[in-house]
Amino acid sequence: MSNALPQPSAKVPQTEWSSLDEQREHKPSTGSHVALPSFSKLANPAPLGLFGFSITSIVVGLYNCGAGLPNSNPRGSSGPDQAAFGLALFMGGMIQIIVGFMEFRSGNTLGTTIHSSYGAYWMAYAMLKIPGLHIREAYGDERSYTFALGIFLIIWVLLTIVFMVASLHSNILCLLVFVFLALSYLFAAIANFIATSLPEQSIQINKVGGGCGVVCGMIAFYCAAAGLMSPEMTPVRLPLGPAPWAKEHIV
C-alpha cells in the first residue's frame, strides 16, 4: 500500500509468518521536529502473535526442563508448570486466536492458519493439564492418559512440519522456529509414550523437549521484536536472514 502522493518509503522488516504482500510502506517524517506518525492502516498483528507464542513456549519449556523444582518430575500432576496454565490460556491461546482473525482480515492465509492453530494448541494443552477438570482421572489409568498425550503431540509434530515446508521462502529464523518446535513436540511425545514403562528415561527425554521449546521460544521472541522495529519509531533493525534458496530476498 502507498500514500496518495509519491513518497520515499522504507519497508518494515518481514516477521515470521507474514506474507510478502504484507510488508507495509511508511511515509518518513520531515522537518526538524520529531512527530509521532499517523496510523491510518491496518496494523501488522504478527509481532503480537509471536510474543504470545514465544513467551508461553519459553515458560512451559523451562518448567519441562525442571526449572523451579529441578529434582521433581516435570511430567508430574503437580509442580511449577501449573503456573503456566493461565499463560497458555490467554497469552498463548486467546491472543494468538485473535491474531489469527486479524491475519485473516489482512489476507495472510499462512499467518491465519499458524496463529490460530497454535492458539488452539495452547488452549487445548491447558485444558488437558488443569487438575480441576479431572481429565487425567477420566482415563482411568496413567498409561492411557500418557498415550493419549503422546498421540496428541505427534499430530502437532506433523502439522509443524507442514508449516515449515509452507514457509520455506520466508527466512532462516522462521524455519528454525519450526525445526525446534517440531523437535520439542517429538521429544515430549516420546516421553509420554514411555512414561510408564521407562519412567526415568521419560523424564530425561521430556527435559530435552523442554530445552528445544525454550530455544524455539527465544527465536520466536527475536522475530517478534524484529517486527516491532518500525523505521518511523526506531533506527534499530534486527536482521532475520532471508532463506538463500528463496526466490525473493527481503531485507
C-alpha atoms as a PDB file:
ATOM      1  CA  MET A   1       0.000   0.000   0.000  1.00  0.00           C
ATOM      2  CA  SER A   2       1.213   3.524  -0.689  1.00  0.00           C
ATOM      3  CA  ASN A   3       0.202   7.090   0.074  1.00  0.00           C
ATOM      4  CA  ALA A   4      -1.792   9.177  -2.397  1.00  0.00           C
ATOM      5  CA  LEU A   5       1.293  11.155  -3.423  1.00  0.00           C
ATOM      6  CA  PRO A   6       4.611   9.519  -4.299  1.00  0.00           C
ATOM      7  CA  GLN A   7       6.805   9.454  -1.227  1.00  0.00           C
ATOM      8  CA  PRO A   8      10.119   7.852  -0.331  1.00  0.00           C
ATOM      9  CA  SER A   9       9.380   4.802   1.686  1.00  0.00           C
ATOM     10  CA  ALA A  10      11.122   2.260   3.884  1.00  0.00           C
ATOM     11  CA  LYS A  11       9.963  -1.275   4.368  1.00  0.00           C
ATOM     12  CA  VAL A  12       9.265  -2.770   7.740  1.00  0.00           C
ATOM     13  CA  PRO A  13      11.277  -5.952   8.318  1.00  0.00           C
ATOM     14  CA  GLN A  14       9.327  -9.062   7.493  1.00  0.00           C
ATOM     15  CA  THR A  15       8.493 -11.024  10.604  1.00  0.00           C
ATOM     16  CA  GLU A  16       7.977 -14.725  10.769  1.00  0.00           C
ATOM     17  CA  TRP A  17       4.737 -15.953   9.201  1.00  0.00           C
ATOM     18  CA  SER A  18       3.979 -12.634   7.439  1.00  0.00           C
ATOM     19  CA  SER A  19       3.413 -12.753   3.689  1.00  0.00           C
ATOM     20  CA  LEU A  20       5.270 -10.759   1.070  1.00  0.00           C
ATOM     21  CA  ASP A  21       2.297  -8.535   0.318  1.00  0.00           C
ATOM     22  CA  GLU A  22       2.038  -7.559   3.984  1.00  0.00           C
ATOM     23  CA  GLN A  23       5.240  -5.540   4.090  1.00  0.00           C
ATOM     24  CA  ARG A  24       3.882  -2.084   4.662  1.00  0.00           C
ATOM     25  CA  GLU A  25       5.474   1.126   3.464  1.00  0.00           C
ATOM     26  CA  HIS A  26       5.569   4.157   5.772  1.00  0.00           C
ATOM     27  CA  LYS A  27       5.948   7.802   4.971  1.00  0.00           C
ATOM     28  CA  PRO A  28       9.117   9.134   6.644  1.00  0.00           C
ATOM     29  CA  SER A  29       8.790  12.214   8.833  1.00  0.00           C
ATOM     30  CA  THR A  30      10.176  15.514   7.551  1.00  0.00           C
ATOM     31  CA  GLY A  31      11.145  18.728   9.261  1.00  0.00           C
ATOM     32  CA  SER A  32      13.328  19.498  12.242  1.00  0.00           C
ATOM     33  CA  HIS A  33      10.885  18.353  14.936  1.00  0.00           C
ATOM     34  CA  VAL A  34      10.083  14.783  15.933  1.00  0.00           C
ATOM     35  CA  ALA A  35       6.441  13.883  15.437  1.00  0.00           C
ATOM     36  CA  LEU A  36       4.586  10.676  16.082  1.00  0.00           C
ATOM     37  CA  PRO A  37       3.406   9.024  12.861  1.00  0.00           C
ATOM     38  CA  SER A  38      -0.236   8.958  11.908  1.00  0.00           C
ATOM     39  CA  PHE A  39      -1.527   5.391  11.659  1.00  0.00           C
ATOM     40  CA  SER A  40      -4.353   5.024   9.171  1.00  0.00           C
ATOM     41  CA  LYS A  41      -3.707   1.443   8.031  1.00  0.00           C
ATOM     42  CA  LEU A  42      -4.236  -1.987   9.475  1.00  0.00           C
ATOM     43  CA  ALA A  43      -1.559  -2.907  11.988  1.00  0.00           C
ATOM     44  CA  ASN A  44       0.675  -5.917  11.433  1.00  0.00           C
ATOM     45  CA  PRO A  45      -0.595  -8.439  14.020  1.00  0.00           C
ATOM     46  CA  ALA A  46       2.313 -10.883  13.613  1.00  0.00           C
ATOM     47  CA  PRO A  47       4.521  -9.452  16.423  1.00  0.00           C
ATOM     48  CA  LEU A  48       1.674  -9.740  18.946  1.00  0.00           C
ATOM     49  CA  GLY A  49       1.028 -13.337  17.988  1.00  0.00           C
ATOM     50  CA  LEU A  50       4.727 -14.161  18.090  1.00  0.00           C
ATOM     51  CA  PHE A  51       5.123 -12.642  21.547  1.00  0.00           C
ATOM     52  CA  GLY A  52       2.167 -14.672  22.788  1.00  0.00           C
ATOM     53  CA  PHE A  53       3.606 -17.842  21.300  1.00  0.00           C
ATOM     54  CA  SER A  54       7.213 -17.230  22.343  1.00  0.00           C
ATOM     55  CA  ILE A  55       6.586 -16.207  25.950  1.00  0.00           C
ATOM     56  CA  THR A  56       4.356 -19.210  26.576  1.00  0.00           C
ATOM     57  CA  SER A  57       6.825 -21.562  24.871  1.00  0.00           C
ATOM     58  CA  ILE A  58       9.742 -20.280  26.948  1.00  0.00           C
ATOM     59  CA  VAL A  59       7.900 -20.544  30.262  1.00  0.00           C
ATOM     60  CA  VAL A  60       6.459 -24.013  29.616  1.00  0.00           C
ATOM     61  CA  GLY A  61       9.794 -25.178  28.183  1.00  0.00           C
ATOM     62  CA  LEU A  62      11.647 -24.038  31.298  1.00  0.00           C
ATOM     63  CA  TYR A  63       9.207 -25.889  33.515  1.00  0.00           C
ATOM     64  CA  ASN A  64       9.594 -29.038  31.401  1.00  0.00           C
ATOM     65  CA  CYS A  65      13.354 -28.698  31.879  1.00  0.00           C
ATOM     66  CA  GLY A  66      12.784 -28.801  35.630  1.00  0.00           C
ATOM     67  CA  ALA A  67      13.169 -25.079  36.358  1.00  0.00           C
ATOM     68  CA  GLY A  68      11.796 -24.136  39.755  1.00  0.00           C
ATOM     69  CA  LEU A  69      11.929 -27.676  41.101  1.00  0.00           C
ATOM     70  CA  PRO A  70      14.993 -29.252  39.435  1.00  0.00           C
ATOM     71  CA  ASN A  71      14.633 -32.597  41.234  1.00  0.00           C
ATOM     72  CA  SER A  72      10.925 -33.006  40.546  1.00  0.00           C
ATOM     73  CA  ASN A  73       9.250 -34.889  37.732  1.00  0.00           C
ATOM     74  CA  PRO A  74       8.275 -32.188  35.218  1.00  0.00           C
ATOM     75  CA  ARG A  75       5.612 -34.555  33.915  1.00  0.00           C
ATOM     76  CA  GLY A  76       4.016 -34.983  37.329  1.00  0.00           C
ATOM     77  CA  SER A  77       0.487 -33.995  38.309  1.00  0.00           C
ATOM     78  CA  SER A  78       1.781 -31.153  40.472  1.00  0.00           C
ATOM     79  CA  GLY A  79       4.650 -28.752  40.113  1.00  0.00           C
ATOM     80  CA  PRO A  80       5.688 -25.328  38.823  1.00  0.00           C
ATOM     81  CA  ASP A  81       4.247 -25.948  35.346  1.00  0.00           C
ATOM     82  CA  GLN A  82       0.751 -25.348  36.716  1.00  0.00           C
ATOM     83  CA  ALA A  83       1.656 -21.664  36.970  1.00  0.00           C
ATOM     84  CA  ALA A  84       1.756 -21.593  33.165  1.00  0.00           C
ATOM     85  CA  PHE A  85      -1.843 -22.683  32.608  1.00  0.00           C
ATOM     86  CA  GLY A  86      -3.224 -19.145  32.731  1.00  0.00           C
ATOM     87  CA  LEU A  87      -0.451 -18.000  30.404  1.00  0.00           C
ATOM     88  CA  ALA A  88      -1.260 -20.825  27.987  1.00  0.00           C
ATOM     89  CA  LEU A  89      -4.975 -19.993  28.001  1.00  0.00           C
ATOM     90  CA  PHE A  90      -4.673 -16.261  27.454  1.00  0.00           C
ATOM     91  CA  MET A  91      -1.247 -15.209  26.120  1.00  0.00           C
ATOM     92  CA  GLY A  92      -0.532 -18.316  24.100  1.00  0.00           C
ATOM     93  CA  GLY A  93      -4.143 -19.226  23.376  1.00  0.00           C
ATOM     94  CA  MET A  94      -6.606 -16.361  23.213  1.00  0.00           C
ATOM     95  CA  ILE A  95      -4.120 -13.768  21.922  1.00  0.00           C
ATOM     96  CA  GLN A  96      -2.968 -15.995  19.070  1.00  0.00           C
ATOM     97  CA  ILE A  97      -6.523 -16.819  18.023  1.00  0.00           C
ATOM     98  CA  ILE A  98      -7.325 -13.096  17.916  1.00  0.00           C
ATOM     99  CA  VAL A  99      -4.186 -12.541  15.844  1.00  0.00           C
ATOM    100  CA  GLY A 100      -5.333 -15.319  13.533  1.00  0.00           C
ATOM    101  CA  PHE A 101      -8.554 -13.411  12.844  1.00  0.00           C
ATOM    102  CA  MET A 102      -6.541 -10.241  12.227  1.00  0.00           C
ATOM    103  CA  GLU A 103      -4.298 -12.061   9.755  1.00  0.00           C
ATOM    104  CA  PHE A 104      -7.440 -13.336   8.021  1.00  0.00           C
ATOM    105  CA  ARG A 105      -8.598  -9.743   7.651  1.00  0.00           C
ATOM    106  CA  SER A 106      -5.289  -8.807   6.010  1.00  0.00           C
ATOM    107  CA  GLY A 107      -5.434 -11.755   3.603  1.00  0.00           C
ATOM    108  CA  ASN A 108      -2.489 -13.707   5.039  1.00  0.00           C
ATOM    109  CA  THR A 109      -3.567 -17.343   4.743  1.00  0.00           C
ATOM    110  CA  LEU A 110      -0.393 -18.801   6.238  1.00  0.00           C
ATOM    111  CA  GLY A 111      -0.369 -16.420   9.198  1.00  0.00           C
ATOM    112  CA  THR A 112      -4.058 -17.074   9.854  1.00  0.00           C
ATOM    113  CA  THR A 113      -3.578 -20.827   9.880  1.00  0.00           C
ATOM    114  CA  ILE A 114      -0.433 -20.842  12.009  1.00  0.00           C
ATOM    115  CA  HIS A 115      -1.501 -18.387  14.698  1.00  0.00           C
ATOM    116  CA  SER A 116      -5.000 -19.849  15.021  1.00  0.00           C
ATOM    117  CA  SER A 117      -3.660 -23.410  15.164  1.00  0.00           C
ATOM    118  CA  TYR A 118      -1.072 -22.761  17.853  1.00  0.00           C
ATOM    119  CA  GLY A 119      -3.540 -20.632  19.787  1.00  0.00           C
ATOM    120  CA  ALA A 120      -5.870 -23.625  19.820  1.00  0.00           C
ATOM    121  CA  TYR A 121      -2.952 -25.868  20.809  1.00  0.00           C
ATOM    122  CA  TRP A 122      -2.107 -23.845  23.896  1.00  0.00           C
ATOM    123  CA  MET A 123      -5.735 -23.727  24.999  1.00  0.00           C
ATOM    124  CA  ALA A 124      -6.078 -27.489  24.498  1.00  0.00           C
ATOM    125  CA  TYR A 125      -2.788 -28.061  26.356  1.00  0.00           C
ATOM    126  CA  ALA A 126      -4.011 -26.078  29.349  1.00  0.00           C
ATOM    127  CA  MET A 127      -7.367 -27.851  29.366  1.00  0.00           C
ATOM    128  CA  LEU A 128      -5.674 -31.265  29.379  1.00  0.00           C
ATOM    129  CA  LYS A 129      -3.427 -30.280  32.285  1.00  0.00           C
ATOM    130  CA  ILE A 130      -5.716 -28.280  34.602  1.00  0.00           C
ATOM    131  CA  PRO A 131      -6.315 -30.564  37.632  1.00  0.00           C
ATOM    132  CA  GLY A 132      -9.766 -29.153  38.363  1.00  0.00           C
ATOM    133  CA  LEU A 133     -11.120 -30.531  35.090  1.00  0.00           C
ATOM    134  CA  HIS A 134     -10.199 -34.107  36.148  1.00  0.00           C
ATOM    135  CA  ILE A 135      -9.317 -35.129  32.591  1.00  0.00           C
ATOM    136  CA  ARG A 136      -6.339 -37.136  33.819  1.00  0.00           C
ATOM    137  CA  GLU A 137      -8.516 -39.142  36.188  1.00  0.00           C
ATOM    138  CA  ALA A 138     -11.126 -39.737  33.487  1.00  0.00           C
ATOM    139  CA  TYR A 139      -8.711 -42.004  31.600  1.00  0.00           C
ATOM    140  CA  GLY A 140      -8.717 -44.476  34.467  1.00  0.00           C
ATOM    141  CA  ASP A 141      -5.000 -45.281  34.492  1.00  0.00           C
ATOM    142  CA  GLU A 142      -1.765 -43.406  33.877  1.00  0.00           C
ATOM    143  CA  ARG A 143      -0.786 -45.405  30.793  1.00  0.00           C
ATOM    144  CA  SER A 144      -3.967 -44.493  28.916  1.00  0.00           C
ATOM    145  CA  TYR A 145      -3.526 -40.822  29.758  1.00  0.00           C
ATOM    146  CA  THR A 146       0.132 -40.607  28.720  1.00  0.00           C
ATOM    147  CA  PHE A 147      -0.526 -42.480  25.471  1.00  0.00           C
ATOM    148  CA  ALA A 148      -3.345 -40.061  24.687  1.00  0.00           C
ATOM    149  CA  LEU A 149      -0.952 -37.147  25.250  1.00  0.00           C
ATOM    150  CA  GLY A 150       1.651 -38.820  23.043  1.00  0.00           C
ATOM    151  CA  ILE A 151      -0.817 -39.162  20.168  1.00  0.00           C
ATOM    152  CA  PHE A 152      -1.931 -35.562  20.707  1.00  0.00           C
ATOM    153  CA  LEU A 153       1.667 -34.340  20.427  1.00  0.00           C
ATOM    154  CA  ILE A 154       2.593 -36.486  17.410  1.00  0.00           C
ATOM    155  CA  ILE A 155      -0.155 -34.809  15.387  1.00  0.00           C
ATOM    156  CA  TRP A 156       1.407 -31.438  16.213  1.00  0.00           C
ATOM    157  CA  VAL A 157       4.789 -32.690  15.008  1.00  0.00           C
ATOM    158  CA  LEU A 158       3.242 -33.437  11.616  1.00  0.00           C
ATOM    159  CA  LEU A 159       1.386 -30.122  11.444  1.00  0.00           C
ATOM    160  CA  THR A 160       4.520 -28.182  12.382  1.00  0.00           C
ATOM    161  CA  ILE A 161       6.441 -29.884   9.568  1.00  0.00           C
ATOM    162  CA  VAL A 162       3.691 -28.827   7.147  1.00  0.00           C
ATOM    163  CA  PHE A 163       4.004 -25.226   8.366  1.00  0.00           C
ATOM    164  CA  MET A 164       7.787 -25.382   7.970  1.00  0.00           C
ATOM    165  CA  VAL A 165       7.506 -26.569   4.363  1.00  0.00           C
ATOM    166  CA  ALA A 166       4.931 -23.850   3.653  1.00  0.00           C
ATOM    167  CA  SER A 167       7.398 -21.238   4.998  1.00  0.00           C
ATOM    168  CA  LEU A 168      10.489 -22.236   3.020  1.00  0.00           C
ATOM    169  CA  HIS A 169      10.562 -18.880   1.212  1.00  0.00           C
ATOM    170  CA  SER A 170      10.325 -16.802   4.395  1.00  0.00           C
ATOM    171  CA  ASN A 171      13.568 -16.547   6.397  1.00  0.00           C
ATOM    172  CA  ILE A 172      16.083 -18.683   8.245  1.00  0.00           C
ATOM    173  CA  LEU A 173      14.824 -17.829  11.734  1.00  0.00           C
ATOM    174  CA  CYS A 174      11.278 -18.716  10.757  1.00  0.00           C
ATOM    175  CA  LEU A 175      12.430 -22.163   9.721  1.00  0.00           C
ATOM    176  CA  LEU A 176      14.476 -22.603  12.900  1.00  0.00           C
ATOM    177  CA  VAL A 177      11.384 -21.874  14.984  1.00  0.00           C
ATOM    178  CA  PHE A 178       9.560 -24.722  13.283  1.00  0.00           C
ATOM    179  CA  VAL A 179      12.555 -27.074  13.496  1.00  0.00           C
ATOM    180  CA  PHE A 180      12.941 -26.671  17.260  1.00  0.00           C
ATOM    181  CA  LEU A 181       9.184 -26.685  17.795  1.00  0.00           C
ATOM    182  CA  ALA A 182       8.826 -29.978  15.930  1.00  0.00           C
ATOM    183  CA  LEU A 183      11.692 -31.441  17.982  1.00  0.00           C
ATOM    184  CA  SER A 184      10.063 -30.219  21.181  1.00  0.00           C
ATOM    185  CA  TYR A 185       6.781 -31.921  20.295  1.00  0.00           C
ATOM    186  CA  LEU A 186       8.585 -35.082  19.196  1.00  0.00           C
ATOM    187  CA  PHE A 187      10.607 -35.485  22.403  1.00  0.00           C
ATOM    188  CA  ALA A 188       7.540 -34.716  24.524  1.00  0.00           C
ATOM    189  CA  ALA A 189       5.530 -37.326  22.605  1.00  0.00           C
ATOM    190  CA  ILE A 190       8.229 -39.977  23.081  1.00  0.00           C
ATOM    191  CA  ALA A 191       8.441 -39.128  26.784  1.00  0.00           C
ATOM    192  CA  ASN A 192       4.716 -39.699  27.158  1.00  0.00           C
ATOM    193  CA  PHE A 193       4.746 -42.960  25.204  1.00  0.00           C
ATOM    194  CA  ILE A 194       7.396 -44.482  27.508  1.00  0.00           C
ATOM    195  CA  ALA A 195       6.255 -42.751  30.694  1.00  0.00           C
ATOM    196  CA  THR A 196       5.006 -45.888  32.441  1.00  0.00           C
ATOM    197  CA  SER A 197       7.482 -48.421  31.041  1.00  0.00           C
ATOM    198  CA  LEU A 198      10.677 -46.338  31.334  1.00  0.00           C
ATOM    199  CA  PRO A 199       9.898 -43.529  33.787  1.00  0.00           C
ATOM    200  CA  GLU A 200      13.480 -42.351  34.378  1.00  0.00           C
ATOM    201  CA  GLN A 201      14.273 -42.130  30.676  1.00  0.00           C
ATOM    202  CA  SER A 202      10.929 -40.450  30.098  1.00  0.00           C
ATOM    203  CA  ILE A 203      11.816 -37.646  32.494  1.00  0.00           C
ATOM    204  CA  GLN A 204      15.153 -37.021  30.779  1.00  0.00           C
ATOM    205  CA  ILE A 205      13.652 -37.057  27.278  1.00  0.00           C
ATOM    206  CA  ASN A 206      10.926 -34.680  28.406  1.00  0.00           C
ATOM    207  CA  LYS A 207      13.602 -32.281  29.664  1.00  0.00           C
ATOM    208  CA  VAL A 208      15.308 -32.392  26.262  1.00  0.00           C
ATOM    209  CA  GLY A 209      11.974 -31.495  24.692  1.00  0.00           C
ATOM    210  CA  GLY A 210      11.628 -28.635  27.137  1.00  0.00           C
ATOM    211  CA  GLY A 211      15.052 -27.337  26.109  1.00  0.00           C
ATOM    212  CA  CYS A 212      14.028 -27.392  22.447  1.00  0.00           C
ATOM    213  CA  GLY A 213      10.892 -25.470  23.414  1.00  0.00           C
ATOM    214  CA  VAL A 214      12.964 -22.795  25.147  1.00  0.00           C
ATOM    215  CA  VAL A 215      15.209 -22.356  22.090  1.00  0.00           C
ATOM    216  CA  CYS A 216      12.150 -22.212  19.834  1.00  0.00           C
ATOM    217  CA  GLY A 217      10.535 -19.576  22.047  1.00  0.00           C
ATOM    218  CA  MET A 218      13.667 -17.418  22.173  1.00  0.00           C
ATOM    219  CA  ILE A 219      13.986 -17.394  18.376  1.00  0.00           C
ATOM    220  CA  ALA A 220      10.292 -16.543  18.015  1.00  0.00           C
ATOM    221  CA  PHE A 221      10.726 -13.753  20.588  1.00  0.00           C
ATOM    222  CA  TYR A 222      13.546 -12.285  18.475  1.00  0.00           C
ATOM    223  CA  CYS A 223      11.317 -12.449  15.376  1.00  0.00           C
ATOM    224  CA  ALA A 224       8.554 -10.646  17.252  1.00  0.00           C
ATOM    225  CA  ALA A 225      10.964  -7.915  18.348  1.00  0.00           C
ATOM    226  CA  ALA A 226      12.175  -7.540  14.754  1.00  0.00           C
ATOM    227  CA  GLY A 227       8.595  -6.970  13.637  1.00  0.00           C
ATOM    228  CA  LEU A 228       8.207  -4.050  16.045  1.00  0.00           C
ATOM    229  CA  MET A 229      11.214  -2.162  14.719  1.00  0.00           C
ATOM    230  CA  SER A 230       9.330   0.318  12.552  1.00  0.00           C
ATOM    231  CA  PRO A 231      11.581   2.820  10.731  1.00  0.00           C
ATOM    232  CA  GLU A 232       9.284   5.612  11.931  1.00  0.00           C
ATOM    233  CA  MET A 233       9.785   4.769  15.592  1.00  0.00           C
ATOM    234  CA  THR A 234      13.354   3.487  15.939  1.00  0.00           C
ATOM    235  CA  PRO A 235      16.608   3.305  13.942  1.00  0.00           C
ATOM    236  CA  VAL A 236      17.264  -0.201  15.284  1.00  0.00           C
ATOM    237  CA  ARG A 237      16.961  -3.075  12.821  1.00  0.00           C
ATOM    238  CA  LEU A 238      17.048  -6.759  13.704  1.00  0.00           C
ATOM    239  CA  PRO A 239      18.054  -8.930  10.722  1.00  0.00           C
ATOM    240  CA  LEU A 240      16.068 -12.087  10.112  1.00  0.00           C
ATOM    241  CA  GLY A 241      18.214 -13.688   7.422  1.00  0.00           C
ATOM    242  CA  PRO A 242      16.389 -14.497   4.177  1.00  0.00           C
ATOM    243  CA  ALA A 243      16.471 -18.113   3.087  1.00  0.00           C
ATOM    244  CA  PRO A 244      19.251 -18.438   0.468  1.00  0.00           C
ATOM    245  CA  TRP A 245      17.040 -20.591  -1.760  1.00  0.00           C
ATOM    246  CA  ALA A 246      14.102 -18.145  -1.689  1.00  0.00           C
ATOM    247  CA  LYS A 247      13.052 -16.529  -4.958  1.00  0.00           C
ATOM    248  CA  GLU A 248      12.779 -13.102  -3.341  1.00  0.00           C
ATOM    249  CA  HIS A 249      15.109 -11.850  -0.607  1.00  0.00           C
ATOM    250  CA  ILE A 250      13.533  -9.498   1.883  1.00  0.00           C
ATOM    251  CA  VAL A 251      15.769  -7.186   3.870  1.00  0.00           C
END
